[in-house]
Amino acid sequence: MHVSARGNGPRPWLWAGLIYAALTILFTYPLPFQIGTRVLEGGTDPELWMWTLSWATHAFVHQPFAIFDANIFYPLRHTLAYSESLVGSAFIAAPVLWLTGNPVLALNLIEVLSAFLCACGAYFLARRVGLRPTSAFVVGLVFGFSPARFLRIDQFHLTTIQWMPFSLAFLHSYFDGGRRRDLHLAAAFFTLQALTSGHGAVFLLVASVTLVAYRLVTGDPLAFRRRLSDLGVIGVLLLLPAALAYLPYR
């Protein structure tokens, strides 16, 4: 049974968000107070990710249609695809880098925000599938801060999966209400997740297929033509960046 995420007014959302924010600061301490000067671990990964974010930010302005032709391993092409492209995370990093020029700050902000957004996204999904605010809060707590994800936030190419629950929530809402807008939002968040983390895209694809299969088995009609019509040109255009971003990985 579908329960609107707005059913109890803004107060549960507000309290959940505030508590998640406080827990993010607590669990990542002292990083929030050294966010522009320290990284979480001293290996080579932070250097790689700072370069990747900086390159994507540079390419947004100077070569947006050749972002995968990075400034490494010349004259080979598509060298950004030798690892995660992090384009989705670069959308967040870009304003920070443009304003401050500090890649450490950009990297740490993404790592910290991933925990907070994962918790908020899971809360949102839980409310959409009918859980009460207290139960939804526990769901967000687990998804945002469980050790399997949270203790690896320095490997944020694996753990920036914050857009998954938003996509699944809107896909669920589409099956409940049949609104094209929900399907388009599910597609938009799918693309954002795919651009943010290839690992997350695989997780989300499996989860989405499982959700669709479950809804069909439990009585929702296939209605393939109507589903395709609901996706429409807008939905295809929203999914297109995700498809194009994976062509260089061939």
Protein backbone atom coordinates (compact mmCIF):
# COMPACT_ATOMS: atom_id res chain seq x y z
CA MET A 1 0.00 0.00 0.00
CA HIS A 2 1.37 3.38 -1.01
CA VAL A 3 1.71 6.06 1.64
CA SER A 4 2.63 9.57 0.55
CA ALA A 5 6.01 10.71 1.77
CA ARG A 6 4.28 14.00 2.59
CA GLY A 7 1.59 12.34 4.67
CA ASN A 8 2.71 13.63 8.06
CA GLY A 9 3.79 17.11 7.00
CA PRO A 10 7.32 18.47 6.99
CA ARG A 11 8.22 17.76 10.63
CA PRO A 12 9.31 14.09 10.29
CA TRP A 13 11.39 15.00 7.23
CA LEU A 14 12.98 17.88 9.06
CA TRP A 15 13.86 15.90 12.16
CA ALA A 16 15.21 12.99 10.13
CA GLY A 17 17.39 15.28 8.04
CA LEU A 18 18.74 17.12 11.07
CA ILE A 19 19.60 13.88 12.87
CA TYR A 20 21.25 12.43 9.76
CA ALA A 21 23.30 15.62 9.39
CA ALA A 22 24.38 15.46 13.05
CA LEU A 23 25.31 11.78 12.74
CA THR A 24 27.29 12.48 9.58
CA ILE A 25 29.35 15.09 11.42
CA LEU A 26 29.75 12.82 14.45
CA PHE A 27 30.76 9.70 12.56
CA THR A 28 33.19 11.51 10.26
CA TYR A 29 34.80 13.57 13.04
CA PRO A 30 37.30 15.24 12.85
CA LEU A 31 37.06 15.41 9.04
CA PRO A 32 34.30 18.08 8.94
CA PHE A 33 36.60 20.42 10.88
CA GLN A 34 39.60 19.71 8.62
CA ILE A 35 37.62 19.33 5.44
CA GLY A 36 39.85 21.49 3.29
CA THR A 37 43.22 20.25 4.53
CA ARG A 38 43.10 16.50 5.26
CA VAL A 39 42.05 13.37 3.38
CA LEU A 40 40.70 10.21 4.95
CA GLU A 41 43.56 7.92 4.01
CA GLY A 42 47.04 8.30 2.71
CA GLY A 43 47.11 5.94 -0.25
CA THR A 44 47.01 6.86 -3.91
CA ASP A 45 43.22 6.74 -4.28
CA PRO A 46 42.61 10.31 -3.02
CA GLU A 47 45.16 11.63 -5.52
CA LEU A 48 43.45 9.76 -8.34
CA TRP A 49 39.99 10.96 -7.37
CA MET A 50 41.12 14.57 -6.93
CA TRP A 51 42.67 14.49 -10.38
CA THR A 52 39.54 12.88 -11.87
CA LEU A 53 37.23 15.48 -10.34
CA SER A 54 39.54 18.29 -11.40
CA TRP A 55 39.77 16.98 -14.95
CA ALA A 56 35.99 16.59 -15.29
CA THR A 57 35.49 20.11 -13.92
CA HIS A 58 37.99 21.44 -16.46
CA ALA A 59 36.34 19.50 -19.28
CA PHE A 60 32.86 20.80 -18.43
CA VAL A 61 34.03 24.21 -19.67
CA HIS A 62 36.75 23.47 -22.21
CA GLN A 63 35.75 20.20 -23.92
CA PRO A 64 32.34 18.98 -22.71
CA PHE A 65 31.88 16.67 -25.71
CA ALA A 66 35.30 15.07 -25.29
CA ILE A 67 35.40 14.70 -21.53
CA PHE A 68 36.78 11.15 -21.77
CA ASP A 69 39.83 12.31 -23.72
CA ALA A 70 41.71 13.13 -20.53
CA ASN A 71 45.21 14.56 -20.29
CA ILE A 72 46.90 11.21 -19.57
CA PHE A 73 48.45 8.46 -21.72
CA TYR A 74 48.59 10.62 -24.84
CA PRO A 75 47.95 9.89 -27.71
CA LEU A 76 45.46 7.26 -26.56
CA ARG A 77 41.80 8.29 -26.47
CA HIS A 78 39.08 7.84 -23.86
CA THR A 79 41.67 7.49 -21.10
CA LEU A 80 39.26 8.76 -18.45
CA ALA A 81 37.54 5.39 -18.91
CA TYR A 82 40.59 3.61 -17.45
CA SER A 83 38.82 4.13 -14.12
CA GLU A 84 35.52 5.55 -12.86
CA SER A 85 34.78 8.82 -14.62
CA LEU A 86 33.07 10.39 -11.56
CA VAL A 87 31.16 12.79 -13.82
CA GLY A 88 28.14 12.77 -11.53
CA SER A 89 30.27 13.62 -8.50
CA ALA A 90 32.00 16.31 -10.53
CA PHE A 91 28.66 18.13 -10.81
CA ILE A 92 28.99 18.70 -7.06
CA ALA A 93 32.75 19.25 -7.11
CA ALA A 94 32.74 21.76 -9.95
CA PRO A 95 31.29 24.77 -8.07
CA VAL A 96 33.64 24.07 -5.17
CA LEU A 97 36.67 23.90 -7.44
CA TRP A 98 35.63 26.98 -9.40
CA LEU A 99 35.17 29.00 -6.22
CA THR A 100 38.07 27.71 -4.10
CA GLY A 101 40.46 25.78 -6.34
CA ASN A 102 40.78 23.26 -3.48
CA PRO A 103 40.48 19.63 -4.67
CA VAL A 104 40.82 18.31 -1.09
CA LEU A 105 37.72 20.28 -0.07
CA ALA A 106 35.80 19.05 -3.12
CA LEU A 107 36.76 15.42 -2.47
CA ASN A 108 35.84 15.53 1.22
CA LEU A 109 32.53 17.29 0.62
CA ILE A 110 31.45 14.54 -1.75
CA GLU A 111 32.47 11.83 0.70
CA VAL A 112 30.61 13.45 3.59
CA LEU A 113 27.55 14.33 1.51
CA SER A 114 27.30 10.75 0.25
CA ALA A 115 26.51 9.49 3.75
CA PHE A 116 23.93 12.20 4.41
CA LEU A 117 22.24 11.81 1.01
CA CYS A 118 22.21 8.00 1.26
CA ALA A 119 20.38 8.28 4.57
CA CYS A 120 17.90 10.85 3.24
CA GLY A 121 17.31 8.87 0.06
CA ALA A 122 16.62 5.65 1.94
CA TYR A 123 14.21 7.51 4.25
CA PHE A 124 12.42 8.88 1.17
CA LEU A 125 12.17 5.42 -0.40
CA ALA A 126 10.93 3.86 2.83
CA ARG A 127 8.16 6.45 3.14
CA ARG A 128 7.18 5.91 -0.48
CA VAL A 129 6.69 2.19 0.09
CA GLY A 130 4.51 2.81 3.12
CA LEU A 131 6.70 2.74 6.21
CA ARG A 132 5.98 5.02 9.14
CA PRO A 133 8.44 7.84 9.86
CA THR A 134 10.14 5.99 12.72
CA SER A 135 10.65 2.85 10.64
CA ALA A 136 11.78 4.92 7.65
CA PHE A 137 14.30 6.65 9.89
CA VAL A 138 15.86 3.29 10.78
CA VAL A 139 16.05 2.41 7.08
CA GLY A 140 17.92 5.65 6.40
CA LEU A 141 20.19 5.01 9.35
CA VAL A 142 21.15 1.58 8.04
CA PHE A 143 21.69 2.61 4.43
CA GLY A 144 23.57 5.78 5.28
CA PHE A 145 25.80 4.61 8.11
CA SER A 146 26.12 0.82 8.08
CA PRO A 147 29.82 -0.24 8.17
CA ALA A 148 29.69 -1.98 4.78
CA ARG A 149 29.19 1.38 3.07
CA PHE A 150 30.08 4.08 5.56
CA LEU A 151 33.53 2.79 6.55
CA ARG A 152 34.55 2.87 2.89
CA ILE A 153 33.46 6.41 2.03
CA ASP A 154 37.05 7.19 1.05
CA GLN A 155 36.43 4.76 -1.85
CA PHE A 156 33.60 6.93 -3.01
CA HIS A 157 33.56 5.47 -6.53
CA LEU A 158 31.96 2.50 -4.71
CA THR A 159 29.93 4.22 -2.02
CA THR A 160 28.40 7.26 -3.75
CA ILE A 161 25.19 5.35 -4.33
CA GLN A 162 22.94 8.06 -2.91
CA TRP A 163 20.79 8.38 -6.03
CA MET A 164 19.70 4.73 -5.99
CA PRO A 165 16.88 5.06 -3.44
CA PHE A 166 15.50 8.19 -5.12
CA SER A 167 15.27 6.40 -8.47
CA LEU A 168 13.62 3.35 -6.89
CA ALA A 169 11.19 5.55 -4.94
CA PHE A 170 9.96 7.29 -8.08
CA LEU A 171 9.79 3.98 -9.98
CA HIS A 172 7.64 2.61 -7.18
CA SER A 173 5.47 5.73 -7.27
CA TYR A 174 5.04 5.35 -11.02
CA PHE A 175 3.61 1.86 -10.62
CA ASP A 176 1.32 3.11 -7.86
CA GLY A 177 0.00 6.22 -9.60
CA GLY A 178 0.86 5.84 -13.26
CA ARG A 179 2.23 9.39 -13.48
CA ARG A 180 4.70 10.02 -16.29
CA ARG A 181 6.50 12.55 -14.13
CA ASP A 182 7.47 9.82 -11.66
CA LEU A 183 8.85 7.64 -14.43
CA HIS A 184 10.85 10.56 -15.79
CA LEU A 185 12.25 11.31 -12.35
CA ALA A 186 13.20 7.64 -11.93
CA ALA A 187 15.04 7.83 -15.26
CA ALA A 188 16.76 11.09 -14.28
CA PHE A 189 18.04 9.67 -11.00
CA PHE A 190 19.12 6.48 -12.78
CA THR A 191 21.28 8.53 -15.14
CA LEU A 192 22.65 10.61 -12.27
CA GLN A 193 23.61 7.41 -10.45
CA ALA A 194 25.18 5.93 -13.58
CA LEU A 195 27.29 9.06 -14.08
CA THR A 196 28.28 9.07 -10.41
CA SER A 197 29.30 5.43 -9.96
CA GLY A 198 29.41 2.58 -12.41
CA HIS A 199 29.17 0.14 -9.51
CA GLY A 200 26.08 1.99 -8.29
CA ALA A 201 24.57 1.81 -11.77
CA VAL A 202 24.87 -1.98 -11.73
CA PHE A 203 23.32 -2.16 -8.25
CA LEU A 204 20.47 0.12 -9.33
CA LEU A 205 19.85 -1.75 -12.58
CA VAL A 206 19.52 -5.04 -10.70
CA ALA A 207 17.25 -3.44 -8.09
CA SER A 208 15.08 -1.76 -10.75
CA VAL A 209 14.64 -4.96 -12.74
CA THR A 210 13.77 -6.81 -9.53
CA LEU A 211 11.23 -4.14 -8.57
CA VAL A 212 9.57 -4.24 -11.99
CA ALA A 213 9.45 -8.04 -11.92
CA TYR A 214 7.93 -7.98 -8.43
CA ARG A 215 5.24 -5.51 -9.46
CA LEU A 216 4.35 -7.57 -12.52
CA VAL A 217 4.21 -10.82 -10.53
CA THR A 218 1.98 -9.20 -7.90
CA GLY A 219 -0.60 -8.01 -10.38
CA ASP A 220 0.49 -4.88 -12.22
CA PRO A 221 -0.18 -5.18 -15.97
CA LEU A 222 2.75 -5.34 -18.36
CA ALA A 223 1.12 -2.75 -20.65
CA PHE A 224 4.32 -2.47 -22.64
CA ARG A 225 3.06 0.09 -25.13
CA ARG A 226 1.68 2.34 -22.42
CA ARG A 227 4.91 2.08 -20.39
CA LEU A 228 6.93 2.97 -23.46
CA SER A 229 4.60 5.86 -24.22
CA ASP A 230 4.89 7.09 -20.64
CA LEU A 231 8.67 7.03 -20.92
CA GLY A 232 8.42 8.97 -24.15
CA VAL A 233 11.00 11.18 -25.75
CA ILE A 234 11.69 12.97 -22.47
CA GLY A 235 12.51 9.73 -20.69
CA VAL A 236 14.77 8.54 -23.50
CA LEU A 237 16.64 11.86 -23.47
CA LEU A 238 17.05 11.59 -19.70
CA LEU A 239 18.55 8.10 -20.04
CA LEU A 240 20.72 8.98 -23.05
CA PRO A 241 23.65 10.51 -21.07
CA ALA A 242 23.99 7.28 -19.09
CA ALA A 243 24.23 5.27 -22.30
CA LEU A 244 26.68 7.67 -23.93
CA ALA A 245 28.90 7.72 -20.85
CA TYR A 246 29.44 3.97 -21.11
CA LEU A 247 30.42 3.90 -24.79
CA PRO A 248 34.08 4.80 -24.05
CA TYR A 249 34.33 1.78 -21.74
CA ARG A 250 34.04 -0.60 -24.69
